[in-house]
């Protein structure tokens, strides 16, 4: 059960995270040549872009299925829970040094599965 103090603390943490994320986005995008971006976006072929997004998403779907297959039959978890775990693991894998994403996935399966 969440106490009033912990709820307030949690709200402050989210507010700080939002300010930091917004500041980082500002720093990243402040020097972008938006005219050139718009010209490049107009040249994009929508079907290829859609295919790329769909196939990238399919990787997560298949990876979730693969991890479910590897689990012992006595320890099955819902596909949606596995998908959440794999999506988080993918994010971590692309953000931190080698094998940390996989380790985070195993930890999440141990805690949430």
PDB file of N, CA and C in Angstrom:
ATOM      1  N   UNK A   1       0.846  -1.180   0.000  1.00  0.00           N
ATOM      2  CA  UNK A   1       0.000   0.000   0.000  1.00  0.00           C
ATOM      3  C   UNK A   1       0.895   1.249   0.000  1.00  0.00           C
ATOM      4  N   UNK A   2       0.540   2.195  -0.812  1.00  0.00           N
ATOM      5  CA  UNK A   2       1.342   3.403  -0.953  1.00  0.00           C
ATOM      6  C   UNK A   2       0.877   4.459   0.043  1.00  0.00           C
ATOM      7  N   UNK A   3       1.832   4.973   0.813  1.00  0.00           N
ATOM      8  CA  UNK A   3       1.506   6.031   1.764  1.00  0.00           C
ATOM      9  C   UNK A   3       1.459   7.366   1.034  1.00  0.00           C
ATOM     10  N   UNK A   4       0.943   8.351   1.711  1.00  0.00           N
ATOM     11  CA  UNK A   4       0.839   9.683   1.109  1.00  0.00           C
ATOM     12  C   UNK A   4       2.229  10.242   0.788  1.00  0.00           C
ATOM     13  N   UNK A   5       3.178  10.013   1.692  1.00  0.00           N
ATOM     14  CA  UNK A   5       4.531  10.502   1.486  1.00  0.00           C
ATOM     15  C   UNK A   5       5.167   9.864   0.248  1.00  0.00           C
ATOM     16  N   UNK A   6       5.004   8.555   0.118  1.00  0.00           N
ATOM     17  CA  UNK A   6       5.607   7.881  -1.033  1.00  0.00           C
ATOM     18  C   UNK A   6       4.920   8.284  -2.332  1.00  0.00           C
ATOM     19  N   UNK A   7       3.620   8.590  -2.286  1.00  0.00           N
ATOM     20  CA  UNK A   7       2.920   9.050  -3.482  1.00  0.00           C
ATOM     21  C   UNK A   7       3.433  10.419  -3.918  1.00  0.00           C
ATOM     22  N   UNK A   8       3.651  11.295  -2.969  1.00  0.00           N
ATOM     23  CA  UNK A   8       4.193  12.623  -3.287  1.00  0.00           C
ATOM     24  C   UNK A   8       5.608  12.501  -3.823  1.00  0.00           C
ATOM     25  N   UNK A   9       6.392  11.646  -3.189  1.00  0.00           N
ATOM     26  CA  UNK A   9       7.765  11.435  -3.654  1.00  0.00           C
ATOM     27  C   UNK A   9       7.773  10.898  -5.081  1.00  0.00           C
ATOM     28  N   UNK A  10       6.884   9.977  -5.349  1.00  0.00           N
ATOM     29  CA  UNK A  10       6.796   9.398  -6.699  1.00  0.00           C
ATOM     30  C   UNK A  10       6.419  10.463  -7.727  1.00  0.00           C
ATOM     31  N   UNK A  11       5.485  11.330  -7.384  1.00  0.00           N
ATOM     32  CA  UNK A  11       5.104  12.412  -8.302  1.00  0.00           C
ATOM     33  C   UNK A  11       6.281  13.342  -8.582  1.00  0.00           C
ATOM     34  N   UNK A  12       7.044  13.661  -7.535  1.00  0.00           N
ATOM     35  CA  UNK A  12       8.213  14.518  -7.723  1.00  0.00           C
ATOM     36  C   UNK A  12       9.243  13.852  -8.628  1.00  0.00           C
ATOM     37  N   UNK A  13       9.446  12.552  -8.453  1.00  0.00           N
ATOM     38  CA  UNK A  13      10.406  11.822  -9.287  1.00  0.00           C
ATOM     39  C   UNK A  13       9.969  11.865 -10.761  1.00  0.00           C
ATOM     40  N   UNK A  14       8.677  11.680 -11.009  1.00  0.00           N
ATOM     41  CA  UNK A  14       8.166  11.755 -12.384  1.00  0.00           C
ATOM     42  C   UNK A  14       8.335  13.163 -12.945  1.00  0.00           C
ATOM     43  N   UNK A  15       8.081  14.175 -12.130  1.00  0.00           N
ATOM     44  CA  UNK A  15       8.228  15.564 -12.584  1.00  0.00           C
ATOM     45  C   UNK A  15       9.685  15.857 -12.933  1.00  0.00           C
ATOM     46  N   UNK A  16      10.603  15.407 -12.091  1.00  0.00           N
ATOM     47  CA  UNK A  16      12.024  15.618 -12.360  1.00  0.00           C
ATOM     48  C   UNK A  16      12.439  14.880 -13.627  1.00  0.00           C
ATOM     49  N   UNK A  17      11.972  13.643 -13.785  1.00  0.00           N
ATOM     50  CA  UNK A  17      12.294  12.865 -14.984  1.00  0.00           C
ATOM     51  C   UNK A  17      11.767  13.559 -16.238  1.00  0.00           C
ATOM     52  N   UNK A  18      10.572  14.138 -16.147  1.00  0.00           N
ATOM     53  CA  UNK A  18       9.992  14.842 -17.288  1.00  0.00           C
ATOM     54  C   UNK A  18      10.819  16.075 -17.649  1.00  0.00           C
ATOM     55  N   UNK A  19      11.253  16.821 -16.650  1.00  0.00           N
ATOM     56  CA  UNK A  19      12.080  18.009 -16.894  1.00  0.00           C
ATOM     57  C   UNK A  19      13.417  17.611 -17.524  1.00  0.00           C
ATOM     58  N   UNK A  20      14.042  16.569 -17.007  1.00  0.00           N
ATOM     59  CA  UNK A  20      15.324  16.109 -17.557  1.00  0.00           C
ATOM     60  C   UNK A  20      15.140  15.644 -18.997  1.00  0.00           C
ATOM     61  N   UNK A  21      14.111  14.830 -19.254  1.00  0.00           N
ATOM     62  CA  UNK A  21      13.871  14.329 -20.610  1.00  0.00           C
ATOM     63  C   UNK A  21      13.584  15.472 -21.581  1.00  0.00           C
ATOM     64  N   UNK A  22      12.799  16.434 -21.162  1.00  0.00           N
ATOM     65  CA  UNK A  22      12.485  17.582 -22.013  1.00  0.00           C
ATOM     66  C   UNK A  22      13.737  18.399 -22.296  1.00  0.00           C
ATOM     67  N   UNK A  23      14.565  18.586 -21.288  1.00  0.00           N
ATOM     68  CA  UNK A  23      15.816  19.326 -21.471  1.00  0.00           C
ATOM     69  C   UNK A  23      16.736  18.612 -22.456  1.00  0.00           C
ATOM     70  N   UNK A  24      16.835  17.295 -22.331  1.00  0.00           N
ATOM     71  CA  UNK A  24      17.670  16.526 -23.253  1.00  0.00           C
ATOM     72  C   UNK A  24      17.150  16.615 -24.688  1.00  0.00           C
ATOM     73  N   UNK A  25      15.838  16.545 -24.847  1.00  0.00           N
ATOM     74  CA  UNK A  25      15.261  16.691 -26.189  1.00  0.00           C
ATOM     75  C   UNK A  25      15.569  18.061 -26.776  1.00  0.00           C
ATOM     76  N   UNK A  26      15.486  19.090 -25.964  1.00  0.00           N
ATOM     77  CA  UNK A  26      15.800  20.436 -26.430  1.00  0.00           C
ATOM     78  C   UNK A  26      17.250  20.517 -26.897  1.00  0.00           C
ATOM     79  N   UNK A  27      18.172  19.974 -26.099  1.00  0.00           N
ATOM     80  CA  UNK A  27      19.590  20.007 -26.455  1.00  0.00           C
ATOM     81  C   UNK A  27      19.834  19.247 -27.760  1.00  0.00           C
ATOM     82  N   UNK A  28      19.191  18.112 -27.907  1.00  0.00           N
ATOM     83  CA  UNK A  28      19.398  17.288 -29.098  1.00  0.00           C
ATOM     84  C   UNK A  28      18.854  17.970 -30.357  1.00  0.00           C
ATOM     85  N   UNK A  29      17.684  18.576 -30.249  1.00  0.00           N
ATOM     86  CA  UNK A  29      17.019  19.093 -31.444  1.00  0.00           C
ATOM     87  C   UNK A  29      17.260  20.574 -31.739  1.00  0.00           C
ATOM     88  N   UNK A  30      17.967  21.281 -30.885  1.00  0.00           N
ATOM     89  CA  UNK A  30      18.095  22.725 -31.100  1.00  0.00           C
ATOM     90  C   UNK A  30      18.932  23.082 -32.333  1.00  0.00           C
ATOM     91  N   UNK A  31      19.847  22.228 -32.743  1.00  0.00           N
ATOM     92  CA  UNK A  31      20.705  22.529 -33.889  1.00  0.00           C
ATOM     93  C   UNK A  31      20.306  21.787 -35.163  1.00  0.00           C
ATOM     94  N   UNK A  32      19.118  21.225 -35.181  1.00  0.00           N
ATOM     95  CA  UNK A  32      18.658  20.484 -36.357  1.00  0.00           C
ATOM     96  C   UNK A  32      18.242  21.458 -37.455  1.00  0.00           C
ATOM     97  N   UNK A  33      18.646  21.157 -38.660  1.00  0.00           N
ATOM     98  CA  UNK A  33      18.231  21.941 -39.832  1.00  0.00           C
ATOM     99  C   UNK A  33      16.861  21.415 -40.274  1.00  0.00           C
ATOM    100  N   UNK A  34      15.798  22.051 -39.789  1.00  0.00           N
ATOM    101  CA  UNK A  34      14.445  21.554 -40.010  1.00  0.00           C
ATOM    102  C   UNK A  34      14.022  21.655 -41.472  1.00  0.00           C
ATOM    103  N   UNK A  35      14.582  22.572 -42.216  1.00  0.00           N
ATOM    104  CA  UNK A  35      14.271  22.659 -43.641  1.00  0.00           C
ATOM    105  C   UNK A  35      14.753  21.404 -44.359  1.00  0.00           C
ATOM    106  N   UNK A  36      15.964  20.994 -44.045  1.00  0.00           N
ATOM    107  CA  UNK A  36      16.507  19.783 -44.656  1.00  0.00           C
ATOM    108  C   UNK A  36      15.722  18.550 -44.210  1.00  0.00           C
ATOM    109  N   UNK A  37      15.348  18.503 -42.947  1.00  0.00           N
ATOM    110  CA  UNK A  37      14.549  17.373 -42.444  1.00  0.00           C
ATOM    111  C   UNK A  37      13.256  17.269 -43.237  1.00  0.00           C
ATOM    112  N   UNK A  38      12.566  18.390 -43.425  1.00  0.00           N
ATOM    113  CA  UNK A  38      11.301  18.387 -44.157  1.00  0.00           C
ATOM    114  C   UNK A  38      11.509  17.926 -45.604  1.00  0.00           C
ATOM    115  N   UNK A  39      12.579  18.365 -46.242  1.00  0.00           N
ATOM    116  CA  UNK A  39      12.874  17.925 -47.611  1.00  0.00           C
ATOM    117  C   UNK A  39      13.100  16.417 -47.664  1.00  0.00           C
ATOM    118  N   UNK A  40      13.807  15.872 -46.694  1.00  0.00           N
ATOM    119  CA  UNK A  40      14.060  14.428 -46.665  1.00  0.00           C
ATOM    120  C   UNK A  40      12.785  13.641 -46.372  1.00  0.00           C
ATOM    121  N   UNK A  41      11.957  14.156 -45.486  1.00  0.00           N
ATOM    122  CA  UNK A  41      10.696  13.482 -45.161  1.00  0.00           C
ATOM    123  C   UNK A  41       9.792  13.418 -46.381  1.00  0.00           C
ATOM    124  N   UNK A  42       9.795  14.470 -47.175  1.00  0.00           N
ATOM    125  CA  UNK A  42       8.953  14.493 -48.383  1.00  0.00           C
ATOM    126  C   UNK A  42       9.414  13.471 -49.408  1.00  0.00           C
ATOM    127  N   UNK A  43      10.684  13.073 -49.368  1.00  0.00           N
ATOM    128  CA  UNK A  43      11.214  12.093 -50.308  1.00  0.00           C
ATOM    129  C   UNK A  43      10.952  10.648 -49.885  1.00  0.00           C
ATOM    130  N   UNK A  44      10.563  10.446 -48.643  1.00  0.00           N
ATOM    131  CA  UNK A  44      10.359   9.088 -48.120  1.00  0.00           C
ATOM    132  C   UNK A  44       9.187   8.423 -48.833  1.00  0.00           C
ATOM    133  N   UNK A  45       9.379   7.151 -49.158  1.00  0.00           N
ATOM    134  CA  UNK A  45       8.281   6.377 -49.734  1.00  0.00           C
ATOM    135  C   UNK A  45       7.529   5.701 -48.584  1.00  0.00           C
ATOM    136  N   UNK A  46       6.267   6.044 -48.393  1.00  0.00           N
ATOM    137  CA  UNK A  46       5.517   5.590 -47.218  1.00  0.00           C
ATOM    138  C   UNK A  46       5.449   4.069 -47.066  1.00  0.00           C
ATOM    139  N   UNK A  47       5.334   3.340 -48.165  1.00  0.00           N
ATOM    140  CA  UNK A  47       5.233   1.888 -48.044  1.00  0.00           C
ATOM    141  C   UNK A  47       6.512   1.275 -47.478  1.00  0.00           C
ATOM    142  N   UNK A  48       7.668   1.784 -47.894  1.00  0.00           N
ATOM    143  CA  UNK A  48       8.923   1.280 -47.361  1.00  0.00           C
ATOM    144  C   UNK A  48       9.060   1.627 -45.875  1.00  0.00           C
ATOM    145  N   UNK A  49       8.635   2.821 -45.522  1.00  0.00           N
ATOM    146  CA  UNK A  49       8.688   3.226 -44.120  1.00  0.00           C
ATOM    147  C   UNK A  49       7.766   2.356 -43.270  1.00  0.00           C
ATOM    148  N   UNK A  50       6.558   2.121 -43.755  1.00  0.00           N
ATOM    149  CA  UNK A  50       5.611   1.268 -43.051  1.00  0.00           C
ATOM    150  C   UNK A  50       6.144  -0.155 -42.924  1.00  0.00           C
ATOM    151  N   UNK A  51       6.738  -0.670 -44.003  1.00  0.00           N
ATOM    152  CA  UNK A  51       7.316  -2.023 -43.967  1.00  0.00           C
ATOM    153  C   UNK A  51       8.433  -2.099 -42.934  1.00  0.00           C
ATOM    154  N   UNK A  52       9.285  -1.083 -42.874  1.00  0.00           N
ATOM    155  CA  UNK A  52      10.389  -1.073 -41.913  1.00  0.00           C
ATOM    156  C   UNK A  52       9.869  -1.059 -40.475  1.00  0.00           C
ATOM    157  N   UNK A  53       8.871  -0.252 -40.194  1.00  0.00           N
ATOM    158  CA  UNK A  53       8.310  -0.177 -38.844  1.00  0.00           C
ATOM    159  C   UNK A  53       7.647  -1.506 -38.474  1.00  0.00           C
ATOM    160  N   UNK A  54       6.879  -2.076 -39.411  1.00  0.00           N
ATOM    161  CA  UNK A  54       6.190  -3.343 -39.143  1.00  0.00           C
ATOM    162  C   UNK A  54       7.185  -4.480 -38.899  1.00  0.00           C
ATOM    163  N   UNK A  55       8.224  -4.553 -39.707  1.00  0.00           N
ATOM    164  CA  UNK A  55       9.214  -5.621 -39.528  1.00  0.00           C
ATOM    165  C   UNK A  55      10.020  -5.429 -38.250  1.00  0.00           C
ATOM    166  N   UNK A  56      10.301  -4.194 -37.891  1.00  0.00           N
ATOM    167  CA  UNK A  56      10.980  -3.942 -36.621  1.00  0.00           C
ATOM    168  C   UNK A  56      10.116  -4.388 -35.448  1.00  0.00           C
ATOM    169  N   UNK A  57       8.819  -4.125 -35.526  1.00  0.00           N
ATOM    170  CA  UNK A  57       7.891  -4.551 -34.482  1.00  0.00           C
ATOM    171  C   UNK A  57       7.791  -6.070 -34.446  1.00  0.00           C
ATOM    172  N   UNK A  58       7.855  -6.696 -35.619  1.00  0.00           N
ATOM    173  CA  UNK A  58       7.781  -8.161 -35.698  1.00  0.00           C
ATOM    174  C   UNK A  58       8.944  -8.808 -34.954  1.00  0.00           C
ATOM    175  N   UNK A  59      10.083  -8.140 -34.923  1.00  0.00           N
ATOM    176  CA  UNK A  59      11.224  -8.677 -34.178  1.00  0.00           C
ATOM    177  C   UNK A  59      10.840  -8.876 -32.715  1.00  0.00           C
ATOM    178  N   UNK A  60      10.172  -7.884 -32.129  1.00  0.00           N
ATOM    179  CA  UNK A  60       9.766  -7.994 -30.728  1.00  0.00           C
ATOM    180  C   UNK A  60       8.739  -9.102 -30.529  1.00  0.00           C
ATOM    181  N   UNK A  61       7.809  -9.216 -31.477  1.00  0.00           N
ATOM    182  CA  UNK A  61       6.801 -10.277 -31.374  1.00  0.00           C
ATOM    183  C   UNK A  61       7.443 -11.659 -31.409  1.00  0.00           C
ATOM    184  N   UNK A  62       8.369 -11.858 -32.353  1.00  0.00           N
ATOM    185  CA  UNK A  62       9.031 -13.161 -32.474  1.00  0.00           C
ATOM    186  C   UNK A  62       9.980 -13.426 -31.308  1.00  0.00           C
ATOM    187  N   UNK A  63      10.640 -12.396 -30.836  1.00  0.00           N
ATOM    188  CA  UNK A  63      11.533 -12.550 -29.698  1.00  0.00           C
ATOM    189  C   UNK A  63      10.752 -12.950 -28.447  1.00  0.00           C
ATOM    190  N   UNK A  64       9.559 -12.377 -28.280  1.00  0.00           N
ATOM    191  CA  UNK A  64       8.700 -12.745 -27.152  1.00  0.00           C
ATOM    192  C   UNK A  64       8.305 -14.212 -27.250  1.00  0.00           C
ATOM    193  N   UNK A  65       7.951 -14.637 -28.442  1.00  0.00           N
ATOM    194  CA  UNK A  65       7.587 -16.035 -28.658  1.00  0.00           C
ATOM    195  C   UNK A  65       8.769 -16.947 -28.358  1.00  0.00           C
ATOM    196  N   UNK A  66       9.955 -16.567 -28.804  1.00  0.00           N
ATOM    197  CA  UNK A  66      11.151 -17.369 -28.563  1.00  0.00           C
ATOM    198  C   UNK A  66      11.407 -17.535 -27.062  1.00  0.00           C
ATOM    199  N   UNK A  67      11.305 -16.454 -26.310  1.00  0.00           N
ATOM    200  CA  UNK A  67      11.548 -16.542 -24.872  1.00  0.00           C
ATOM    201  C   UNK A  67      10.495 -17.406 -24.190  1.00  0.00           C
ATOM    202  N   UNK A  68       9.260 -17.356 -24.666  1.00  0.00           N
ATOM    203  CA  UNK A  68       8.218 -18.215 -24.090  1.00  0.00           C
ATOM    204  C   UNK A  68       8.517 -19.676 -24.357  1.00  0.00           C
ATOM    205  N   UNK A  69       9.047 -19.979 -25.557  1.00  0.00           N
ATOM    206  CA  UNK A  69       9.389 -21.358 -25.899  1.00  0.00           C
ATOM    207  C   UNK A  69      10.505 -21.871 -24.991  1.00  0.00           C
ATOM    208  N   UNK A  70      11.439 -21.004 -24.643  1.00  0.00           N
ATOM    209  CA  UNK A  70      12.568 -21.414 -23.814  1.00  0.00           C
ATOM    210  C   UNK A  70      12.199 -21.646 -22.352  1.00  0.00           C
ATOM    211  N   UNK A  71      11.081 -21.097 -21.908  1.00  0.00           N
ATOM    212  CA  UNK A  71      10.670 -21.287 -20.516  1.00  0.00           C
ATOM    213  C   UNK A  71      10.217 -22.725 -20.284  1.00  0.00           C
ATOM    214  N   UNK A  72      10.466 -23.250 -19.089  1.00  0.00           N
ATOM    215  CA  UNK A  72       9.934 -24.583 -18.773  1.00  0.00           C
ATOM    216  C   UNK A  72       8.408 -24.569 -18.807  1.00  0.00           C
ATOM    217  N   UNK A  73       7.817 -25.690 -19.189  1.00  0.00           N
ATOM    218  CA  UNK A  73       6.343 -25.761 -19.289  1.00  0.00           C
ATOM    219  C   UNK A  73       5.664 -25.429 -17.958  1.00  0.00           C
ATOM    220  N   UNK A  74       6.283 -25.760 -16.867  1.00  0.00           N
ATOM    221  CA  UNK A  74       5.692 -25.483 -15.547  1.00  0.00           C
ATOM    222  C   UNK A  74       5.748 -24.000 -15.193  1.00  0.00           C
ATOM    223  N   UNK A  75       6.512 -23.218 -15.915  1.00  0.00           N
ATOM    224  CA  UNK A  75       6.693 -21.801 -15.607  1.00  0.00           C
ATOM    225  C   UNK A  75       6.170 -20.882 -16.704  1.00  0.00           C
ATOM    226  N   UNK A  76       5.124 -21.259 -17.375  1.00  0.00           N
ATOM    227  CA  UNK A  76       4.570 -20.428 -18.455  1.00  0.00           C
ATOM    228  C   UNK A  76       4.025 -19.117 -17.902  1.00  0.00           C
ATOM    229  N   UNK A  77       4.224 -18.053 -18.675  1.00  0.00           N
ATOM    230  CA  UNK A  77       3.610 -16.767 -18.333  1.00  0.00           C
ATOM    231  C   UNK A  77       2.837 -16.279 -19.550  1.00  0.00           C
ATOM    232  N   UNK A  78       1.964 -15.300 -19.334  1.00  0.00           N
ATOM    233  CA  UNK A  78       1.158 -14.784 -20.436  1.00  0.00           C
ATOM    234  C   UNK A  78       2.043 -14.126 -21.492  1.00  0.00           C
ATOM    235  N   UNK A  79       1.599 -14.220 -22.746  1.00  0.00           N
ATOM    236  CA  UNK A  79       2.359 -13.634 -23.853  1.00  0.00           C
ATOM    237  C   UNK A  79       2.497 -12.125 -23.673  1.00  0.00           C
ATOM    238  N   UNK A  80       1.453 -11.467 -23.189  1.00  0.00           N
ATOM    239  CA  UNK A  80       1.513 -10.011 -23.015  1.00  0.00           C
ATOM    240  C   UNK A  80       2.580  -9.628 -21.990  1.00  0.00           C
ATOM    241  N   UNK A  81       2.707 -10.405 -20.927  1.00  0.00           N
ATOM    242  CA  UNK A  81       3.730 -10.146 -19.916  1.00  0.00           C
ATOM    243  C   UNK A  81       5.118 -10.366 -20.512  1.00  0.00           C
ATOM    244  N   UNK A  82       5.250 -11.412 -21.329  1.00  0.00           N
ATOM    245  CA  UNK A  82       6.533 -11.679 -21.977  1.00  0.00           C
ATOM    246  C   UNK A  82       6.878 -10.570 -22.959  1.00  0.00           C
ATOM    247  N   UNK A  83       5.872 -10.066 -23.686  1.00  0.00           N
ATOM    248  CA  UNK A  83       6.120  -8.977 -24.631  1.00  0.00           C
ATOM    249  C   UNK A  83       6.617  -7.730 -23.913  1.00  0.00           C
ATOM    250  N   UNK A  84       6.006  -7.393 -22.777  1.00  0.00           N
ATOM    251  CA  UNK A  84       6.469  -6.244 -21.985  1.00  0.00           C
ATOM    252  C   UNK A  84       7.922  -6.424 -21.571  1.00  0.00           C
ATOM    253  N   UNK A  85       8.251  -7.621 -21.122  1.00  0.00           N
ATOM    254  CA  UNK A  85       9.620  -7.915 -20.683  1.00  0.00           C
ATOM    255  C   UNK A  85      10.599  -7.772 -21.834  1.00  0.00           C
ATOM    256  N   UNK A  86      10.250  -8.331 -22.989  1.00  0.00           N
ATOM    257  CA  UNK A  86      11.138  -8.280 -24.154  1.00  0.00           C
ATOM    258  C   UNK A  86      11.277  -6.840 -24.668  1.00  0.00           C
ATOM    259  N   UNK A  87      10.206  -6.075 -24.657  1.00  0.00           N
ATOM    260  CA  UNK A  87      10.285  -4.687 -25.111  1.00  0.00           C
ATOM    261  C   UNK A  87      11.224  -3.891 -24.205  1.00  0.00           C
ATOM    262  N   UNK A  88      11.109  -4.085 -22.896  1.00  0.00           N
ATOM    263  CA  UNK A  88      12.008  -3.405 -21.970  1.00  0.00           C
ATOM    264  C   UNK A  88      13.442  -3.880 -22.167  1.00  0.00           C
ATOM    265  N   UNK A  89      13.605  -5.184 -22.335  1.00  0.00           N
ATOM    266  CA  UNK A  89      14.935  -5.749 -22.528  1.00  0.00           C
ATOM    267  C   UNK A  89      15.579  -5.193 -23.797  1.00  0.00           C
ATOM    268  N   UNK A  90      14.802  -5.037 -24.840  1.00  0.00           N
ATOM    269  CA  UNK A  90      15.306  -4.474 -26.088  1.00  0.00           C
ATOM    270  C   UNK A  90      15.774  -3.036 -25.894  1.00  0.00           C
ATOM    271  N   UNK A  91      15.003  -2.273 -25.143  1.00  0.00           N
ATOM    272  CA  UNK A  91      15.381  -0.888 -24.858  1.00  0.00           C
ATOM    273  C   UNK A  91      16.695  -0.829 -24.090  1.00  0.00           C
ATOM    274  N   UNK A  92      16.819  -1.664 -23.077  1.00  0.00           N
ATOM    275  CA  UNK A  92      18.045  -1.682 -22.281  1.00  0.00           C
ATOM    276  C   UNK A  92      19.219  -2.149 -23.132  1.00  0.00           C
ATOM    277  N   UNK A  93      19.002  -3.184 -23.942  1.00  0.00           N
ATOM    278  CA  UNK A  93      20.069  -3.717 -24.794  1.00  0.00           C
ATOM    279  C   UNK A  93      20.631  -2.649 -25.723  1.00  0.00           C
ATOM    280  N   UNK A  94      19.779  -1.769 -26.203  1.00  0.00           N
ATOM    281  CA  UNK A  94      20.218  -0.722 -27.117  1.00  0.00           C
ATOM    282  C   UNK A  94      20.748   0.519 -26.404  1.00  0.00           C
ATOM    283  N   UNK A  95      20.758   0.498 -25.080  1.00  0.00           N
ATOM    284  CA  UNK A  95      21.148   1.691 -24.326  1.00  0.00           C
ATOM    285  C   UNK A  95      22.394   1.513 -23.467  1.00  0.00           C
ATOM    286  N   UNK A  96      22.720   0.296 -23.106  1.00  0.00           N
ATOM    287  CA  UNK A  96      23.819   0.057 -22.157  1.00  0.00           C
ATOM    288  C   UNK A  96      24.795  -0.972 -22.716  1.00  0.00           C
ATOM    289  N   UNK A  97      25.905  -1.202 -22.009  1.00  0.00           N
ATOM    290  CA  UNK A  97      26.904  -2.148 -22.502  1.00  0.00           C
ATOM    291  C   UNK A  97      26.373  -3.577 -22.703  1.00  0.00           C
ATOM    292  N   UNK A  98      27.160  -4.345 -23.403  1.00  0.00           N
ATOM    293  CA  UNK A  98      26.854  -5.716 -23.811  1.00  0.00           C
ATOM    294  C   UNK A  98      26.336  -6.580 -22.661  1.00  0.00           C
ATOM    295  N   UNK A  99      25.315  -7.351 -22.923  1.00  0.00           N
ATOM    296  CA  UNK A  99      24.690  -8.348 -22.050  1.00  0.00           C
ATOM    297  C   UNK A  99      23.858  -7.765 -20.908  1.00  0.00           C
ATOM    298  N   UNK A 100      23.836  -6.466 -20.728  1.00  0.00           N
ATOM    299  CA  UNK A 100      23.019  -5.900 -19.654  1.00  0.00           C
ATOM    300  C   UNK A 100      21.530  -6.030 -19.978  1.00  0.00           C
ATOM    301  N   UNK A 101      21.180  -5.933 -21.255  1.00  0.00           N
ATOM    302  CA  UNK A 101      19.783  -6.081 -21.643  1.00  0.00           C
ATOM    303  C   UNK A 101      19.267  -7.468 -21.350  1.00  0.00           C
ATOM    304  N   UNK A 102      20.050  -8.478 -21.712  1.00  0.00           N
ATOM    305  CA  UNK A 102      19.649  -9.849 -21.447  1.00  0.00           C
ATOM    306  C   UNK A 102      19.561 -10.105 -19.941  1.00  0.00           C
ATOM    307  N   UNK A 103      20.513  -9.557 -19.196  1.00  0.00           N
ATOM    308  CA  UNK A 103      20.480  -9.723 -17.743  1.00  0.00           C
ATOM    309  C   UNK A 103      19.229  -9.058 -17.156  1.00  0.00           C
ATOM    310  N   UNK A 104      18.870  -7.894 -17.677  1.00  0.00           N
ATOM    311  CA  UNK A 104      17.657  -7.227 -17.183  1.00  0.00           C
ATOM    312  C   UNK A 104      16.418  -8.045 -17.521  1.00  0.00           C
ATOM    313  N   UNK A 105      16.416  -8.693 -18.696  1.00  0.00           N
ATOM    314  CA  UNK A 105      15.286  -9.541 -19.070  1.00  0.00           C
ATOM    315  C   UNK A 105      15.136 -10.724 -18.143  1.00  0.00           C
ATOM    316  N   UNK A 106      16.241 -11.367 -17.800  1.00  0.00           N
ATOM    317  CA  UNK A 106      16.202 -12.499 -16.866  1.00  0.00           C
ATOM    318  C   UNK A 106      15.716 -12.030 -15.502  1.00  0.00           C
ATOM    319  N   UNK A 107      16.211 -10.876 -15.065  1.00  0.00           N
ATOM    320  CA  UNK A 107      15.776 -10.335 -13.774  1.00  0.00           C
ATOM    321  C   UNK A 107      14.274 -10.041 -13.793  1.00  0.00           C
ATOM    322  N   UNK A 108      13.783  -9.432 -14.865  1.00  0.00           N
ATOM    323  CA  UNK A 108      12.352  -9.137 -14.958  1.00  0.00           C
ATOM    324  C   UNK A 108      11.522 -10.415 -14.962  1.00  0.00           C
ATOM    325  N   UNK A 109      11.995 -11.436 -15.668  1.00  0.00           N
ATOM    326  CA  UNK A 109      11.261 -12.712 -15.675  1.00  0.00           C
ATOM    327  C   UNK A 109      11.222 -13.332 -14.281  1.00  0.00           C
ATOM    328  N   UNK A 110      12.332 -13.210 -13.566  1.00  0.00           N
ATOM    329  CA  UNK A 110      12.380 -13.761 -12.213  1.00  0.00           C
ATOM    330  C   UNK A 110      11.431 -13.020 -11.282  1.00  0.00           C
ATOM    331  N   UNK A 111      11.354 -11.691 -11.433  1.00  0.00           N
ATOM    332  CA  UNK A 111      10.513 -10.895 -10.538  1.00  0.00           C
ATOM    333  C   UNK A 111       9.041 -10.872 -10.950  1.00  0.00           C
ATOM    334  N   UNK A 112       8.785 -10.712 -12.259  1.00  0.00           N
ATOM    335  CA  UNK A 112       7.409 -10.533 -12.722  1.00  0.00           C
ATOM    336  C   UNK A 112       6.774 -11.807 -13.246  1.00  0.00           C
ATOM    337  N   UNK A 113       7.592 -12.740 -13.687  1.00  0.00           N
ATOM    338  CA  UNK A 113       7.061 -13.972 -14.277  1.00  0.00           C
ATOM    339  C   UNK A 113       6.685 -14.947 -13.220  1.00  0.00           C
TER     340      UNK A 113
END
